[in-house]
C-alpha cells in the first residue's frame, strides 16, 4: 500500500462492499499484471439508524480518500461521454427542479423521512 497516492500510470479502481454490518472500501491500481492497493478502510455500518446514517458516515471519510474515490469514479464513468444522453439529462434536470427535490432537501435538513408525491 502506498500512502503517497498512485504509484504508476495504470488504471485505478474503487471497490465498495456495502455490507449489513460493515462498509469496506479500497482504491487499487492495475498496471500491467500488477495490482497495488493505494488506500483502504472500513467502518461499522450504522444500518439500524437508516440509510441517511450510512451516507453521513461515508461523507465523513478523510478528504484525500474522498478525492481518490471521486477521481476513480469519474474516470470509470468517462466512457459515457461519447454516448448520447440528452434525454436522460432532461430527466435529471426535471427531477432536480421538482417539488420532490425540494421536499427531499427539506426532509434531510429536518432529519425526517421525505414525503414524495411524484411531482
N, C-alpha and C. Protein backbone atom coordinates (compact mmCIF):
# COMPACT_ATOMS: atom_id res chain seq x y z
N UNK A 1 0.86 -1.18 0.00
CA UNK A 1 0.00 0.00 0.00
C UNK A 1 0.90 1.23 0.00
N UNK A 2 0.49 2.23 -0.76
CA UNK A 2 1.26 3.46 -0.82
C UNK A 2 0.47 4.60 -0.20
N UNK A 3 1.03 5.24 0.79
CA UNK A 3 0.35 6.38 1.41
C UNK A 3 0.54 7.63 0.56
N UNK A 4 1.44 7.56 -0.42
CA UNK A 4 1.74 8.72 -1.25
C UNK A 4 0.82 8.84 -2.45
N UNK A 5 -0.09 7.94 -2.64
CA UNK A 5 -1.01 8.02 -3.77
C UNK A 5 -0.61 7.08 -4.88
N UNK A 6 -1.07 7.37 -6.11
CA UNK A 6 -0.84 6.50 -7.23
C UNK A 6 0.64 6.21 -7.44
N UNK A 7 0.94 4.97 -7.80
CA UNK A 7 2.32 4.54 -7.94
C UNK A 7 2.77 4.48 -9.38
N UNK A 8 1.86 4.57 -10.33
CA UNK A 8 2.25 4.46 -11.73
C UNK A 8 1.18 5.03 -12.62
N UNK A 9 1.18 4.57 -13.87
CA UNK A 9 0.24 5.10 -14.84
C UNK A 9 -0.90 4.14 -15.12
N UNK A 10 -1.10 3.17 -14.28
CA UNK A 10 -2.16 2.20 -14.50
C UNK A 10 -3.55 2.76 -14.22
N UNK A 11 -4.54 1.93 -14.48
CA UNK A 11 -5.92 2.35 -14.21
C UNK A 11 -6.23 2.15 -12.73
N UNK A 12 -7.04 3.05 -12.20
CA UNK A 12 -7.42 2.99 -10.79
C UNK A 12 -8.86 2.55 -10.67
N UNK A 13 -9.15 1.80 -9.63
CA UNK A 13 -10.48 1.23 -9.42
C UNK A 13 -10.90 1.42 -7.98
N UNK A 14 -12.18 1.68 -7.78
CA UNK A 14 -12.76 1.82 -6.45
C UNK A 14 -13.60 0.59 -6.18
N UNK A 15 -13.38 -0.02 -5.06
CA UNK A 15 -14.20 -1.15 -4.64
C UNK A 15 -14.94 -0.80 -3.37
N UNK A 16 -16.24 -1.07 -3.37
CA UNK A 16 -17.07 -0.83 -2.19
C UNK A 16 -17.79 -2.11 -1.81
N UNK A 17 -17.81 -2.40 -0.55
CA UNK A 17 -18.59 -3.52 -0.03
C UNK A 17 -19.52 -2.92 1.01
N UNK A 18 -20.77 -2.69 0.59
CA UNK A 18 -21.76 -2.09 1.49
C UNK A 18 -22.49 -3.21 2.21
N UNK A 19 -21.87 -3.73 3.22
CA UNK A 19 -22.43 -4.85 3.95
C UNK A 19 -23.41 -4.41 5.02
N UNK A 20 -24.08 -5.38 5.58
CA UNK A 20 -25.06 -5.10 6.62
C UNK A 20 -24.44 -4.69 7.94
N UNK A 21 -23.19 -5.09 8.15
CA UNK A 21 -22.53 -4.76 9.42
C UNK A 21 -21.30 -3.87 9.24
N UNK A 22 -20.71 -3.87 8.04
CA UNK A 22 -19.53 -3.05 7.77
C UNK A 22 -19.57 -2.51 6.35
N UNK A 23 -19.00 -1.32 6.17
CA UNK A 23 -18.73 -0.78 4.85
C UNK A 23 -17.23 -0.84 4.69
N UNK A 24 -16.78 -1.53 3.63
CA UNK A 24 -15.35 -1.63 3.34
C UNK A 24 -15.11 -1.00 1.98
N UNK A 25 -13.98 -0.30 1.83
CA UNK A 25 -13.66 0.31 0.56
C UNK A 25 -12.16 0.21 0.31
N UNK A 26 -11.82 0.23 -0.96
CA UNK A 26 -10.41 0.22 -1.35
C UNK A 26 -10.27 0.90 -2.70
N UNK A 27 -9.15 1.60 -2.86
CA UNK A 27 -8.76 2.15 -4.16
C UNK A 27 -7.52 1.38 -4.57
N UNK A 28 -7.60 0.72 -5.73
CA UNK A 28 -6.49 -0.08 -6.22
C UNK A 28 -6.08 0.41 -7.60
N UNK A 29 -4.83 0.12 -7.94
CA UNK A 29 -4.31 0.49 -9.26
C UNK A 29 -3.89 -0.78 -9.97
N UNK A 30 -4.28 -0.89 -11.24
CA UNK A 30 -3.90 -2.04 -12.07
C UNK A 30 -2.94 -1.54 -13.13
N UNK A 31 -1.72 -2.03 -13.11
CA UNK A 31 -0.69 -1.62 -14.06
C UNK A 31 -0.05 -2.89 -14.60
N UNK A 32 -0.38 -3.23 -15.84
CA UNK A 32 0.13 -4.48 -16.42
C UNK A 32 -0.45 -5.67 -15.69
N UNK A 33 0.41 -6.50 -15.13
CA UNK A 33 -0.04 -7.67 -14.37
C UNK A 33 -0.11 -7.40 -12.87
N UNK A 34 0.26 -6.19 -12.47
CA UNK A 34 0.35 -5.88 -11.03
C UNK A 34 -0.88 -5.11 -10.55
N UNK A 35 -1.31 -5.45 -9.35
CA UNK A 35 -2.38 -4.73 -8.65
C UNK A 35 -1.75 -4.15 -7.38
N UNK A 36 -1.99 -2.86 -7.13
CA UNK A 36 -1.46 -2.21 -5.94
C UNK A 36 -2.60 -1.54 -5.19
N UNK A 37 -2.69 -1.79 -3.90
CA UNK A 37 -3.69 -1.14 -3.06
C UNK A 37 -3.16 0.24 -2.68
N UNK A 38 -3.88 1.29 -3.10
CA UNK A 38 -3.45 2.66 -2.81
C UNK A 38 -3.99 3.16 -1.48
N UNK A 39 -5.19 2.74 -1.14
CA UNK A 39 -5.80 3.17 0.12
C UNK A 39 -6.98 2.24 0.40
N UNK A 40 -7.30 2.05 1.66
CA UNK A 40 -8.44 1.20 2.01
C UNK A 40 -8.90 1.55 3.42
N UNK A 41 -10.12 1.14 3.73
CA UNK A 41 -10.64 1.38 5.05
C UNK A 41 -11.96 0.67 5.26
N UNK A 42 -12.45 0.76 6.46
CA UNK A 42 -13.75 0.17 6.79
C UNK A 42 -14.30 0.84 8.02
N UNK A 43 -15.61 0.73 8.17
CA UNK A 43 -16.25 1.24 9.37
C UNK A 43 -17.55 0.48 9.57
N UNK A 44 -18.01 0.47 10.79
CA UNK A 44 -19.25 -0.23 11.11
C UNK A 44 -20.42 0.46 10.42
N UNK A 45 -21.31 -0.32 9.90
CA UNK A 45 -22.49 0.21 9.23
C UNK A 45 -23.54 0.56 10.28
N UNK A 46 -23.94 1.82 10.34
CA UNK A 46 -24.99 2.19 11.29
C UNK A 46 -26.37 1.88 10.70
N UNK A 47 -26.53 0.65 10.22
CA UNK A 47 -27.72 0.27 9.47
C UNK A 47 -29.00 0.43 10.29
N UNK A 48 -28.91 0.23 11.57
CA UNK A 48 -30.12 0.36 12.39
C UNK A 48 -30.59 1.81 12.47
N UNK A 49 -29.70 2.75 12.09
CA UNK A 49 -30.06 4.17 12.08
C UNK A 49 -30.61 4.63 10.74
N UNK A 50 -30.62 3.74 9.75
CA UNK A 50 -31.19 4.06 8.45
C UNK A 50 -30.16 4.45 7.41
N UNK A 51 -30.66 4.61 6.18
CA UNK A 51 -29.80 4.91 5.04
C UNK A 51 -29.04 6.21 5.21
N UNK A 52 -29.70 7.23 5.74
CA UNK A 52 -29.06 8.54 5.89
C UNK A 52 -27.83 8.44 6.79
N UNK A 53 -27.88 7.61 7.81
CA UNK A 53 -26.74 7.45 8.70
C UNK A 53 -25.56 6.83 7.98
N UNK A 54 -25.82 5.88 7.08
CA UNK A 54 -24.75 5.27 6.30
C UNK A 54 -24.12 6.32 5.39
N UNK A 55 -24.94 7.11 4.71
CA UNK A 55 -24.44 8.15 3.80
C UNK A 55 -23.67 9.20 4.59
N UNK A 56 -24.20 9.62 5.73
CA UNK A 56 -23.50 10.60 6.57
C UNK A 56 -22.12 10.08 6.96
N UNK A 57 -22.03 8.80 7.28
CA UNK A 57 -20.75 8.21 7.67
C UNK A 57 -19.78 8.18 6.49
N UNK A 58 -20.28 7.87 5.30
CA UNK A 58 -19.42 7.85 4.12
C UNK A 58 -18.81 9.22 3.85
N UNK A 59 -19.59 10.27 3.99
CA UNK A 59 -19.08 11.60 3.68
C UNK A 59 -18.14 12.14 4.75
N UNK A 60 -18.03 11.46 5.88
CA UNK A 60 -17.08 11.89 6.91
C UNK A 60 -15.70 11.27 6.72
N UNK A 61 -15.50 10.51 5.62
CA UNK A 61 -14.18 9.94 5.35
C UNK A 61 -13.16 11.05 5.14
N UNK A 62 -11.92 10.68 5.23
CA UNK A 62 -10.83 11.63 5.05
C UNK A 62 -10.91 12.29 3.67
N UNK A 63 -10.63 13.59 3.58
CA UNK A 63 -10.73 14.30 2.30
C UNK A 63 -9.89 13.70 1.19
N UNK A 64 -8.68 13.25 1.48
CA UNK A 64 -7.84 12.66 0.43
C UNK A 64 -8.44 11.36 -0.09
N UNK A 65 -9.02 10.58 0.80
CA UNK A 65 -9.66 9.34 0.37
C UNK A 65 -10.88 9.64 -0.49
N UNK A 66 -11.68 10.63 -0.07
CA UNK A 66 -12.84 11.01 -0.88
C UNK A 66 -12.41 11.52 -2.24
N UNK A 67 -11.34 12.30 -2.28
CA UNK A 67 -10.84 12.81 -3.56
C UNK A 67 -10.43 11.64 -4.46
N UNK A 68 -9.75 10.65 -3.90
CA UNK A 68 -9.34 9.49 -4.69
C UNK A 68 -10.55 8.70 -5.19
N UNK A 69 -11.55 8.53 -4.31
CA UNK A 69 -12.76 7.80 -4.73
C UNK A 69 -13.48 8.55 -5.84
N UNK A 70 -13.62 9.85 -5.69
CA UNK A 70 -14.32 10.66 -6.70
C UNK A 70 -13.58 10.60 -8.03
N UNK A 71 -12.26 10.75 -8.01
CA UNK A 71 -11.47 10.71 -9.25
C UNK A 71 -11.60 9.34 -9.93
N UNK A 72 -11.60 8.30 -9.12
CA UNK A 72 -11.74 6.95 -9.67
C UNK A 72 -13.09 6.77 -10.33
N UNK A 73 -14.14 7.18 -9.65
CA UNK A 73 -15.49 7.06 -10.21
C UNK A 73 -15.61 7.90 -11.49
N UNK A 74 -15.10 9.12 -11.46
CA UNK A 74 -15.16 9.98 -12.66
C UNK A 74 -14.43 9.34 -13.83
N UNK A 75 -13.28 8.78 -13.59
CA UNK A 75 -12.54 8.13 -14.68
C UNK A 75 -13.29 6.91 -15.20
N UNK A 76 -13.84 6.12 -14.30
CA UNK A 76 -14.56 4.93 -14.73
C UNK A 76 -15.81 5.28 -15.50
N UNK A 77 -16.40 6.44 -15.24
CA UNK A 77 -17.62 6.85 -15.94
C UNK A 77 -17.32 7.64 -17.21
N UNK A 78 -16.06 7.92 -17.52
CA UNK A 78 -15.70 8.72 -18.69
C UNK A 78 -16.17 8.08 -19.99
N UNK A 79 -16.32 6.77 -20.01
CA UNK A 79 -16.77 6.08 -21.22
C UNK A 79 -18.10 6.61 -21.72
N UNK A 80 -18.92 7.11 -20.81
CA UNK A 80 -20.26 7.54 -21.18
C UNK A 80 -20.27 8.87 -21.92
N UNK A 81 -19.15 9.60 -21.90
CA UNK A 81 -19.11 10.90 -22.55
C UNK A 81 -19.41 10.82 -24.04
N UNK A 82 -19.06 9.71 -24.68
CA UNK A 82 -19.32 9.54 -26.10
C UNK A 82 -20.70 8.99 -26.41
N UNK A 83 -21.51 8.74 -25.40
CA UNK A 83 -22.84 8.18 -25.59
C UNK A 83 -23.87 9.30 -25.50
N UNK A 84 -24.79 9.34 -26.46
CA UNK A 84 -25.86 10.35 -26.44
C UNK A 84 -26.67 10.22 -25.15
N UNK A 85 -26.87 11.33 -24.46
CA UNK A 85 -27.59 11.27 -23.18
C UNK A 85 -28.46 12.50 -22.94
N UNK A 86 -28.82 13.21 -24.00
CA UNK A 86 -29.65 14.41 -23.84
C UNK A 86 -30.99 14.07 -23.19
N UNK A 87 -31.55 12.91 -23.53
CA UNK A 87 -32.84 12.52 -22.95
C UNK A 87 -32.74 12.30 -21.45
N UNK A 88 -31.68 11.64 -21.01
CA UNK A 88 -31.53 11.42 -19.57
C UNK A 88 -31.13 12.70 -18.85
N UNK A 89 -30.38 13.58 -19.53
CA UNK A 89 -30.06 14.88 -18.95
C UNK A 89 -31.35 15.66 -18.67
N UNK A 90 -32.30 15.60 -19.60
CA UNK A 90 -33.59 16.28 -19.41
C UNK A 90 -34.33 15.70 -18.20
N UNK A 91 -34.29 14.37 -18.05
CA UNK A 91 -34.95 13.74 -16.90
C UNK A 91 -34.31 14.21 -15.59
N UNK A 92 -33.00 14.29 -15.58
CA UNK A 92 -32.28 14.73 -14.37
C UNK A 92 -32.63 16.18 -14.05
N UNK A 93 -32.63 17.06 -15.06
CA UNK A 93 -32.97 18.47 -14.83
C UNK A 93 -34.40 18.60 -14.29
N UNK A 94 -35.32 17.82 -14.85
CA UNK A 94 -36.71 17.85 -14.38
C UNK A 94 -36.78 17.41 -12.92
N UNK A 95 -36.08 16.34 -12.59
CA UNK A 95 -36.08 15.85 -11.21
C UNK A 95 -35.48 16.88 -10.26
N UNK A 96 -34.40 17.52 -10.68
CA UNK A 96 -33.72 18.48 -9.81
C UNK A 96 -34.57 19.71 -9.53
N UNK A 97 -35.46 20.05 -10.44
CA UNK A 97 -36.32 21.24 -10.28
C UNK A 97 -37.68 20.90 -9.66
N UNK A 98 -37.90 19.66 -9.35
CA UNK A 98 -39.23 19.22 -8.90
C UNK A 98 -39.52 19.57 -7.45
N UNK A 99 -40.80 19.49 -7.13
CA UNK A 99 -41.23 19.67 -5.73
C UNK A 99 -40.65 18.55 -4.87
N UNK A 100 -40.53 17.35 -5.45
CA UNK A 100 -39.94 16.24 -4.70
C UNK A 100 -38.49 16.53 -4.31
N UNK A 101 -37.73 17.17 -5.21
CA UNK A 101 -36.34 17.51 -4.88
C UNK A 101 -36.29 18.48 -3.71
N UNK A 102 -37.17 19.47 -3.74
CA UNK A 102 -37.22 20.44 -2.64
C UNK A 102 -37.63 19.76 -1.34
N UNK A 103 -38.61 18.87 -1.45
CA UNK A 103 -39.05 18.13 -0.26
C UNK A 103 -37.92 17.26 0.28
N UNK A 104 -37.16 16.65 -0.61
CA UNK A 104 -36.04 15.81 -0.18
C UNK A 104 -35.01 16.60 0.61
N UNK A 105 -34.68 17.79 0.13
CA UNK A 105 -33.72 18.65 0.83
C UNK A 105 -34.30 19.08 2.18
N UNK A 106 -35.57 19.52 2.19
CA UNK A 106 -36.19 19.94 3.46
C UNK A 106 -36.21 18.79 4.47
N UNK A 107 -36.58 17.62 4.00
CA UNK A 107 -36.65 16.47 4.90
C UNK A 107 -35.27 16.12 5.46
N UNK A 108 -34.26 16.20 4.60
CA UNK A 108 -32.89 15.91 5.04
C UNK A 108 -32.45 16.92 6.11
N UNK A 109 -32.75 18.19 5.88
CA UNK A 109 -32.38 19.22 6.84
C UNK A 109 -33.16 19.08 8.15
N UNK A 110 -34.41 18.61 8.05
CA UNK A 110 -35.25 18.41 9.23
C UNK A 110 -35.02 17.05 9.88
N UNK A 111 -34.15 16.25 9.27
CA UNK A 111 -33.85 14.89 9.77
C UNK A 111 -35.12 14.06 9.91
N UNK A 112 -35.89 14.03 8.82
CA UNK A 112 -37.10 13.22 8.79
C UNK A 112 -37.21 12.54 7.44
N UNK A 113 -38.09 11.55 7.34
CA UNK A 113 -38.35 10.90 6.07
C UNK A 113 -39.08 11.86 5.15
N UNK A 114 -38.71 11.83 3.88
CA UNK A 114 -39.36 12.71 2.88
C UNK A 114 -40.74 12.16 2.53
N UNK A 115 -41.63 13.06 2.18
CA UNK A 115 -42.98 12.70 1.73
C UNK A 115 -43.06 13.02 0.24
N UNK A 116 -42.56 12.11 -0.59
CA UNK A 116 -42.53 12.33 -2.04
C UNK A 116 -43.89 12.11 -2.65
N UNK A 117 -44.22 12.95 -3.65
CA UNK A 117 -45.52 12.87 -4.31
C UNK A 117 -45.42 12.56 -5.79
N UNK A 118 -44.20 12.56 -6.34
CA UNK A 118 -44.03 12.30 -7.76
C UNK A 118 -44.23 13.54 -8.61
N UNK A 119 -44.16 14.71 -7.98
CA UNK A 119 -44.35 15.98 -8.70
C UNK A 119 -43.10 16.83 -8.57
